[in-house]
Structures are given as C-alpha cells and as structure tokens.
Amino acid sequence: SSGINAEYGGPQQETMVTAPKVKRTFCAGKKCKKHTVHKVTQYKTGKASLYAQGKRRYDRKQQGYGGQTKPVFHKKAKTTKKIVLRLECSECKYKSHAALARAKHFELVDAGSGKLKKKN
C-alpha cells in the first residue's frame, strides 16, 4: 500500500529535531530592533482560564438538560504537533515565538556540544 499518504510522513518525521539553547536573532522589541542573543525554550500552552468568554458561553450552554450542545472533535488525523520555540531577548526580555517543523522527538542542546552535528 504505497499510496500518497504512506510517502508523506516519511523519513523527515522520524529524525530528532534539535535547537540550540541560545540563539542570536532579530529582536522586535521596542527597545532593541536589532540582532541580540535570545534564550530558547519550548513553548507550552498555558492553563485555560475559566473566565474566558468562550468558556463562559460554553458552560452556560451546557447547563440543564439537553446533553452535549456543541460538536466534540473525534477525527484526529495528526500524530505530531509543530514544535514552537519561545525566544526571550537577553537585553530587553521581549518574548517571541518561532515555529519549527513537525516532529515526534525534540531536544534543546548546548551550541558548544557536538550533539548538533551528530546524525542518528
């Protein structure tokens, strides 16, 4: 069964994606507007607020009898998520995001170590 979908998620997804812990890149903060050293971490979604407008509306709609009122998504097709880096400027502390490719394995490495050049 070598269809289009079989070839799509091929060798590029199986490799480990690495990113340096520090990166020199452009800072869009009002104070900087130049290339500076950024601290790199992996972005993680924050805890959903109970008081966000959509959540309040959903909870109100769900009250009482009548069962589930909005569609629940079941047809999940993706097996990976895109890796998002959170870049923090070392000079002005401005934070920005940068998206990478989809990958199952992700690792932050020190730029000095030889791990960046190592192939699996």
N, C-alpha and C. Protein backbone atom coordinates (compact mmCIF):
# COMPACT_ATOMS: atom_id res chain seq x y z
N SER A 1 0.84 -1.19 0.00
CA SER A 1 0.00 0.00 0.00
C SER A 1 0.88 1.25 0.00
N SER A 2 1.53 1.50 -1.14
CA SER A 2 2.39 2.68 -1.23
C SER A 2 1.62 3.82 -1.88
N GLY A 3 0.67 4.37 -1.12
CA GLY A 3 -0.14 5.49 -1.62
C GLY A 3 0.54 6.81 -1.33
N ILE A 4 -0.16 7.86 -1.59
CA ILE A 4 0.37 9.20 -1.36
C ILE A 4 0.62 9.43 0.13
N ASN A 5 -0.31 8.98 0.96
CA ASN A 5 -0.19 9.22 2.40
C ASN A 5 0.96 8.45 3.03
N ALA A 6 1.30 7.28 2.49
CA ALA A 6 2.38 6.48 3.03
C ALA A 6 3.72 7.19 2.86
N GLU A 7 3.86 7.92 1.75
CA GLU A 7 5.13 8.60 1.49
C GLU A 7 5.20 9.94 2.20
N TYR A 8 4.07 10.51 2.53
CA TYR A 8 4.05 11.88 3.08
C TYR A 8 4.82 12.01 4.39
N GLY A 9 4.50 11.19 5.37
CA GLY A 9 5.13 11.32 6.67
C GLY A 9 6.36 10.47 6.79
N GLY A 10 7.18 10.43 5.78
CA GLY A 10 8.34 9.55 5.68
C GLY A 10 9.51 9.92 6.56
N PRO A 11 10.70 9.89 6.01
CA PRO A 11 11.91 10.00 6.81
C PRO A 11 12.07 11.33 7.54
N GLN A 12 11.46 12.42 7.03
CA GLN A 12 11.67 13.70 7.67
C GLN A 12 11.01 13.78 9.05
N GLN A 13 10.01 12.95 9.34
CA GLN A 13 9.37 12.98 10.65
C GLN A 13 10.08 12.11 11.68
N GLU A 14 10.80 11.13 11.24
CA GLU A 14 11.43 10.19 12.16
C GLU A 14 12.68 10.76 12.82
N THR A 15 13.31 11.76 12.20
CA THR A 15 14.53 12.31 12.75
C THR A 15 14.25 13.17 13.97
N MET A 16 15.24 13.23 14.85
CA MET A 16 15.16 14.07 16.04
C MET A 16 15.44 15.51 15.64
N VAL A 17 14.62 16.43 16.09
CA VAL A 17 14.84 17.84 15.81
C VAL A 17 15.53 18.45 17.03
N THR A 18 16.64 19.16 16.79
CA THR A 18 17.36 19.81 17.87
C THR A 18 17.39 21.31 17.65
N ALA A 19 17.48 22.05 18.74
CA ALA A 19 17.58 23.51 18.66
C ALA A 19 18.57 23.96 19.72
N PRO A 20 19.35 25.01 19.44
CA PRO A 20 20.30 25.49 20.44
C PRO A 20 19.59 26.21 21.59
N LYS A 21 20.20 26.16 22.79
CA LYS A 21 19.59 26.82 23.95
C LYS A 21 19.71 28.33 23.89
N VAL A 22 20.72 28.81 23.17
CA VAL A 22 20.86 30.25 22.93
C VAL A 22 21.01 30.49 21.43
N LYS A 23 20.40 31.57 20.95
CA LYS A 23 20.40 31.84 19.51
C LYS A 23 20.48 33.34 19.30
N ARG A 24 21.33 33.75 18.37
CA ARG A 24 21.44 35.17 18.03
C ARG A 24 20.50 35.45 16.88
N THR A 25 19.45 36.23 17.15
CA THR A 25 18.44 36.51 16.13
C THR A 25 17.85 37.90 16.36
N PHE A 26 17.02 38.36 15.42
CA PHE A 26 16.46 39.71 15.49
C PHE A 26 15.45 39.83 16.62
N CYS A 27 15.56 40.92 17.39
CA CYS A 27 14.60 41.21 18.46
C CYS A 27 13.69 42.33 17.99
N ALA A 28 12.37 42.09 18.00
CA ALA A 28 11.39 43.06 17.52
C ALA A 28 10.88 43.97 18.63
N GLY A 29 11.47 43.86 19.83
CA GLY A 29 11.05 44.70 20.95
C GLY A 29 11.30 46.18 20.68
N LYS A 30 10.52 47.04 21.33
CA LYS A 30 10.63 48.48 21.08
C LYS A 30 12.02 49.02 21.43
N LYS A 31 12.64 48.46 22.46
CA LYS A 31 13.95 48.95 22.90
C LYS A 31 15.08 48.50 21.99
N CYS A 32 14.98 47.29 21.43
CA CYS A 32 16.10 46.71 20.68
C CYS A 32 16.05 47.03 19.18
N LYS A 33 15.17 46.35 18.45
CA LYS A 33 15.08 46.45 16.98
C LYS A 33 16.41 46.11 16.31
N LYS A 34 17.09 45.09 16.84
CA LYS A 34 18.37 44.66 16.27
C LYS A 34 18.61 43.19 16.63
N HIS A 35 19.66 42.60 16.10
CA HIS A 35 20.01 41.23 16.43
C HIS A 35 20.63 41.17 17.83
N THR A 36 20.08 40.31 18.67
CA THR A 36 20.61 40.12 20.02
C THR A 36 20.60 38.62 20.33
N VAL A 37 21.22 38.27 21.45
CA VAL A 37 21.23 36.88 21.91
C VAL A 37 19.89 36.57 22.58
N HIS A 38 19.27 35.47 22.20
CA HIS A 38 17.98 35.05 22.77
C HIS A 38 18.12 33.72 23.50
N LYS A 39 17.40 33.59 24.61
CA LYS A 39 17.33 32.31 25.32
C LYS A 39 16.17 31.53 24.71
N VAL A 40 16.41 30.28 24.37
CA VAL A 40 15.41 29.46 23.67
C VAL A 40 14.83 28.42 24.63
N THR A 41 13.47 28.36 24.68
CA THR A 41 12.78 27.31 25.43
C THR A 41 11.64 26.80 24.55
N GLN A 42 11.09 25.65 24.92
CA GLN A 42 9.97 25.12 24.15
C GLN A 42 8.67 25.72 24.68
N TYR A 43 7.83 26.22 23.77
CA TYR A 43 6.56 26.84 24.14
C TYR A 43 5.60 25.77 24.65
N LYS A 44 4.91 26.10 25.73
CA LYS A 44 3.92 25.19 26.29
C LYS A 44 2.63 25.98 26.50
N THR A 45 1.50 25.41 26.10
CA THR A 45 0.22 26.10 26.24
C THR A 45 -0.11 26.27 27.72
N GLY A 46 -0.56 27.46 28.07
CA GLY A 46 -0.92 27.75 29.46
C GLY A 46 -2.25 27.12 29.84
N LYS A 47 -2.56 27.13 31.13
CA LYS A 47 -3.81 26.57 31.63
C LYS A 47 -4.98 27.42 31.14
N ALA A 48 -6.01 26.79 30.62
CA ALA A 48 -7.18 27.51 30.09
C ALA A 48 -7.93 28.19 31.24
N SER A 49 -8.30 29.44 31.03
CA SER A 49 -9.00 30.22 32.06
C SER A 49 -10.49 29.86 32.06
N LEU A 50 -11.06 29.79 33.25
CA LEU A 50 -12.50 29.53 33.39
C LEU A 50 -13.32 30.76 33.03
N TYR A 51 -12.65 31.91 33.00
CA TYR A 51 -13.37 33.18 32.81
C TYR A 51 -13.25 33.74 31.41
N ALA A 52 -12.63 33.00 30.48
CA ALA A 52 -12.56 33.43 29.09
C ALA A 52 -13.98 33.42 28.52
N GLN A 53 -14.27 34.34 27.59
CA GLN A 53 -15.64 34.50 27.07
C GLN A 53 -16.18 33.20 26.48
N GLY A 54 -15.38 32.49 25.70
CA GLY A 54 -15.83 31.25 25.07
C GLY A 54 -16.17 30.17 26.09
N LYS A 55 -15.36 30.08 27.14
CA LYS A 55 -15.59 29.07 28.19
C LYS A 55 -16.85 29.40 28.99
N ARG A 56 -17.08 30.68 29.27
CA ARG A 56 -18.30 31.08 30.00
C ARG A 56 -19.54 30.77 29.16
N ARG A 57 -19.46 31.09 27.87
CA ARG A 57 -20.60 30.84 26.97
C ARG A 57 -20.87 29.33 26.87
N TYR A 58 -19.81 28.53 26.73
CA TYR A 58 -19.93 27.08 26.61
C TYR A 58 -20.54 26.47 27.87
N ASP A 59 -20.05 26.90 29.04
CA ASP A 59 -20.57 26.37 30.32
C ASP A 59 -22.04 26.72 30.50
N ARG A 60 -22.43 27.94 30.10
CA ARG A 60 -23.82 28.37 30.22
C ARG A 60 -24.71 27.53 29.31
N LYS A 61 -24.23 27.26 28.11
CA LYS A 61 -24.99 26.48 27.14
C LYS A 61 -25.14 25.02 27.58
N GLN A 62 -24.15 24.50 28.28
CA GLN A 62 -24.15 23.10 28.71
C GLN A 62 -25.08 22.85 29.91
N GLN A 63 -25.45 23.91 30.62
CA GLN A 63 -26.26 23.74 31.84
C GLN A 63 -27.63 23.13 31.53
N GLY A 64 -28.15 22.40 32.51
CA GLY A 64 -29.50 21.84 32.40
C GLY A 64 -29.55 20.59 31.56
N TYR A 65 -30.74 20.21 31.12
CA TYR A 65 -30.92 19.02 30.31
C TYR A 65 -30.65 19.34 28.85
N GLY A 66 -30.40 18.31 28.06
CA GLY A 66 -30.21 18.51 26.63
C GLY A 66 -28.91 17.93 26.11
N GLY A 67 -28.11 17.37 27.01
CA GLY A 67 -26.89 16.69 26.57
C GLY A 67 -25.82 17.63 26.03
N GLN A 68 -24.93 17.05 25.25
CA GLN A 68 -23.82 17.81 24.64
C GLN A 68 -24.39 18.76 23.59
N THR A 69 -24.03 20.05 23.71
CA THR A 69 -24.64 21.05 22.84
C THR A 69 -23.75 21.48 21.67
N LYS A 70 -22.46 21.23 21.78
CA LYS A 70 -21.54 21.61 20.71
C LYS A 70 -20.81 20.38 20.20
N PRO A 71 -20.31 20.41 18.97
CA PRO A 71 -19.64 19.22 18.43
C PRO A 71 -18.36 18.89 19.19
N VAL A 72 -18.12 17.60 19.41
CA VAL A 72 -16.88 17.13 20.02
C VAL A 72 -16.06 16.50 18.90
N PHE A 73 -14.83 16.99 18.72
CA PHE A 73 -13.98 16.57 17.61
C PHE A 73 -13.39 15.18 17.88
N HIS A 74 -13.63 14.23 16.97
CA HIS A 74 -13.12 12.87 17.12
C HIS A 74 -12.17 12.44 16.00
N LYS A 75 -12.24 13.09 14.84
CA LYS A 75 -11.47 12.63 13.67
C LYS A 75 -10.05 13.18 13.68
N LYS A 76 -9.29 12.82 14.71
CA LYS A 76 -7.92 13.32 14.83
C LYS A 76 -7.04 12.64 13.80
N ALA A 77 -6.37 13.42 12.97
CA ALA A 77 -5.57 12.86 11.89
C ALA A 77 -4.07 12.98 12.16
N LYS A 78 -3.65 14.01 12.85
CA LYS A 78 -2.22 14.26 13.06
C LYS A 78 -1.69 13.44 14.22
N THR A 79 -0.44 12.97 14.07
CA THR A 79 0.20 12.22 15.14
C THR A 79 1.27 13.06 15.84
N THR A 80 1.57 14.22 15.27
CA THR A 80 2.59 15.10 15.86
C THR A 80 2.06 16.51 15.95
N LYS A 81 2.75 17.33 16.72
CA LYS A 81 2.44 18.76 16.78
C LYS A 81 3.66 19.52 16.30
N LYS A 82 3.42 20.71 15.76
CA LYS A 82 4.54 21.55 15.35
C LYS A 82 5.26 22.03 16.60
N ILE A 83 6.59 22.04 16.53
CA ILE A 83 7.38 22.50 17.66
C ILE A 83 7.47 24.01 17.59
N VAL A 84 7.13 24.67 18.69
CA VAL A 84 7.20 26.13 18.75
C VAL A 84 8.26 26.52 19.76
N LEU A 85 9.19 27.36 19.32
CA LEU A 85 10.23 27.86 20.21
C LEU A 85 9.81 29.19 20.79
N ARG A 86 10.11 29.39 22.07
CA ARG A 86 9.85 30.67 22.74
C ARG A 86 11.20 31.34 22.90
N LEU A 87 11.38 32.47 22.22
CA LEU A 87 12.65 33.19 22.24
C LEU A 87 12.55 34.39 23.18
N GLU A 88 13.48 34.48 24.13
CA GLU A 88 13.49 35.61 25.06
C GLU A 88 14.77 36.39 24.89
N CYS A 89 14.64 37.68 24.57
CA CYS A 89 15.79 38.55 24.36
C CYS A 89 16.53 38.73 25.69
N SER A 90 17.86 38.57 25.66
CA SER A 90 18.64 38.70 26.89
C SER A 90 18.79 40.15 27.31
N GLU A 91 18.60 41.10 26.39
CA GLU A 91 18.77 42.52 26.71
C GLU A 91 17.49 43.15 27.24
N CYS A 92 16.36 42.99 26.51
CA CYS A 92 15.12 43.68 26.90
C CYS A 92 14.02 42.73 27.38
N LYS A 93 14.29 41.42 27.43
CA LYS A 93 13.34 40.40 27.90
C LYS A 93 12.09 40.27 27.02
N TYR A 94 12.12 40.80 25.78
CA TYR A 94 11.00 40.67 24.84
C TYR A 94 10.88 39.21 24.43
N LYS A 95 9.66 38.68 24.42
CA LYS A 95 9.46 37.27 24.08
C LYS A 95 8.74 37.15 22.75
N SER A 96 9.21 36.23 21.90
CA SER A 96 8.57 35.97 20.61
C SER A 96 8.56 34.47 20.37
N HIS A 97 7.77 34.05 19.39
CA HIS A 97 7.65 32.63 19.06
C HIS A 97 8.20 32.36 17.66
N ALA A 98 8.73 31.16 17.47
CA ALA A 98 9.18 30.72 16.15
C ALA A 98 8.79 29.27 15.98
N ALA A 99 8.04 28.95 14.92
CA ALA A 99 7.57 27.58 14.70
C ALA A 99 8.58 26.79 13.90
N LEU A 100 8.76 25.52 14.26
CA LEU A 100 9.63 24.60 13.52
C LEU A 100 8.75 23.56 12.83
N ALA A 101 9.39 22.59 12.23
CA ALA A 101 8.68 21.51 11.53
C ALA A 101 8.01 20.58 12.53
N ARG A 102 7.16 19.70 12.04
CA ARG A 102 6.55 18.67 12.88
C ARG A 102 7.59 17.62 13.21
N ALA A 103 7.57 17.14 14.43
CA ALA A 103 8.50 16.08 14.82
C ALA A 103 7.97 15.37 16.05
N LYS A 104 8.34 14.09 16.17
CA LYS A 104 7.93 13.32 17.35
C LYS A 104 8.91 13.56 18.50
N HIS A 105 10.20 13.78 18.16
CA HIS A 105 11.22 13.97 19.18
C HIS A 105 11.88 15.33 19.00
N PHE A 106 12.01 16.07 20.11
CA PHE A 106 12.62 17.39 20.08
C PHE A 106 13.55 17.54 21.28
N GLU A 107 14.68 18.21 21.05
CA GLU A 107 15.65 18.37 22.12
C GLU A 107 16.33 19.72 22.01
N LEU A 108 16.51 20.38 23.15
CA LEU A 108 17.30 21.61 23.20
C LEU A 108 18.72 21.21 23.57
N VAL A 109 19.71 21.67 22.79
CA VAL A 109 21.10 21.29 23.03
C VAL A 109 21.97 22.53 23.20
N ASP A 110 23.07 22.36 23.93
CA ASP A 110 24.06 23.43 24.05
C ASP A 110 24.76 23.59 22.72
N ALA A 111 24.97 24.81 22.28
CA ALA A 111 25.57 25.07 20.98
C ALA A 111 27.00 24.55 20.90
N GLY A 112 27.69 24.52 22.04
CA GLY A 112 29.09 24.07 22.07
C GLY A 112 29.23 22.56 21.91
N SER A 113 28.24 21.78 22.34
CA SER A 113 28.36 20.32 22.29
C SER A 113 28.27 19.80 20.86
N GLY A 114 28.83 18.64 20.63
CA GLY A 114 28.86 18.05 19.29
C GLY A 114 27.54 17.39 18.92
N LYS A 115 26.53 17.47 19.79
CA LYS A 115 25.26 16.81 19.55
C LYS A 115 24.52 17.40 18.35
N LEU A 116 24.79 18.68 18.07
CA LEU A 116 24.12 19.36 16.97
C LEU A 116 24.49 18.76 15.63
N LYS A 117 25.73 18.29 15.52
CA LYS A 117 26.22 17.74 14.24
C LYS A 117 25.98 16.25 14.13
N LYS A 118 25.67 15.58 15.24
CA LYS A 118 25.51 14.12 15.24
C LYS A 118 24.28 13.70 14.47
N LYS A 119 24.43 12.68 13.62
CA LYS A 119 23.30 12.09 12.87
C LYS A 119 22.93 10.76 13.50
N ASN A 120 21.61 10.44 13.49
CA ASN A 120 21.18 9.15 14.06
C ASN A 120 21.42 8.04 13.08
